[in-house]
Amino acid sequence: PQSAINTGHIVNLNGPTELEEHTNAVQFAAPLQALGHHTYNTNLNSGLHVIMIEPHRLIGAVDSRREGSAKGY
């Protein structure tokens, strides 16, 4: 989950697809445009924290732009 968070945000609310500027999310512009999406790069500065549930453990991941940390065993 940490790798996914580190990629940057991609948002589509039934219109143009927003790609978080200055992140790896912008690499999806050309493939999305080839599928007919209108894309643009913008500041998507929201924080995101994730807990992935596996059969015998939880894996946490955090957005480095926000406070917080993932701890566990």
Protein backbone atom coordinates (compact mmCIF):
# COMPACT_ATOMS: atom_id res chain seq x y z
CA PRO A 1 0.00 0.00 0.00
CA GLN A 2 2.88 2.43 0.60
CA SER A 3 3.95 2.22 -3.03
CA ALA A 4 0.41 3.07 -4.14
CA ILE A 5 0.25 6.11 -1.87
CA ASN A 6 3.66 7.30 -3.05
CA THR A 7 2.51 7.29 -6.69
CA GLY A 8 0.34 10.38 -6.20
CA HIS A 9 -3.36 10.99 -6.54
CA ILE A 10 -5.50 10.40 -9.63
CA VAL A 11 -9.05 11.76 -9.47
CA ASN A 12 -11.96 11.49 -11.88
CA LEU A 13 -15.39 12.77 -10.87
CA ASN A 14 -17.15 11.92 -14.14
CA GLY A 15 -15.24 14.55 -16.08
CA PRO A 16 -11.59 15.34 -16.78
CA THR A 17 -9.03 13.16 -15.04
CA GLU A 18 -6.87 15.09 -12.58
CA LEU A 19 -3.29 13.92 -12.07
CA GLU A 20 -1.31 15.14 -9.09
CA GLU A 21 1.44 17.40 -10.39
CA HIS A 22 5.06 16.72 -9.44
CA THR A 23 4.35 13.02 -8.71
CA ASN A 24 4.56 9.76 -10.64
CA ALA A 25 0.81 10.05 -11.32
CA VAL A 26 1.58 12.27 -14.33
CA GLN A 27 3.08 9.25 -16.13
CA PHE A 28 -0.49 8.01 -16.67
CA ALA A 29 -1.45 11.01 -18.83
CA ALA A 30 -0.57 9.51 -22.23
CA PRO A 31 -2.15 6.08 -21.59
CA LEU A 32 -5.31 7.71 -20.26
CA GLN A 33 -5.49 10.11 -23.21
CA ALA A 34 -5.11 7.15 -25.57
CA LEU A 35 -8.27 5.77 -23.95
CA GLY A 36 -10.10 9.05 -24.58
CA HIS A 37 -9.65 10.78 -21.22
CA HIS A 38 -9.02 14.51 -21.00
CA THR A 39 -6.29 14.90 -18.37
CA TYR A 40 -4.60 17.76 -16.60
CA ASN A 41 -2.00 18.08 -13.88
CA THR A 42 -3.04 19.90 -10.73
CA ASN A 43 -2.30 20.28 -7.03
CA LEU A 44 -4.06 17.40 -5.28
CA ASN A 45 -2.77 17.93 -1.78
CA SER A 46 -5.03 15.68 0.27
CA GLY A 47 -3.63 13.23 2.78
CA LEU A 48 -4.30 9.52 2.65
CA HIS A 49 -3.67 6.75 5.15
CA VAL A 50 -4.25 3.06 4.36
CA ILE A 51 -4.65 -0.14 6.34
CA MET A 52 -4.43 -3.30 4.25
CA ILE A 53 -6.05 -6.29 5.92
CA GLU A 54 -4.41 -9.67 5.37
CA PRO A 55 -5.42 -12.99 7.00
CA HIS A 56 -3.01 -12.73 9.95
CA ARG A 57 -1.75 -9.15 9.90
CA LEU A 58 -2.47 -5.53 9.11
CA ILE A 59 -0.16 -3.44 6.92
CA GLY A 60 -0.23 0.33 7.37
CA ALA A 61 0.89 3.07 4.99
CA VAL A 62 0.83 6.85 5.37
CA ASP A 63 1.00 9.94 3.20
CA SER A 64 4.26 11.71 4.00
CA ARG A 65 2.58 15.10 3.36
CA ARG A 66 0.49 14.68 6.50
CA GLU A 67 1.13 13.97 10.14
CA GLY A 68 0.96 10.39 11.33
CA SER A 69 2.87 7.17 11.13
CA ALA A 70 2.17 3.49 10.64
CA LYS A 71 3.23 1.22 13.48
CA GLY A 72 2.63 -2.43 14.03
CA TYR A 73 4.10 -5.87 14.26
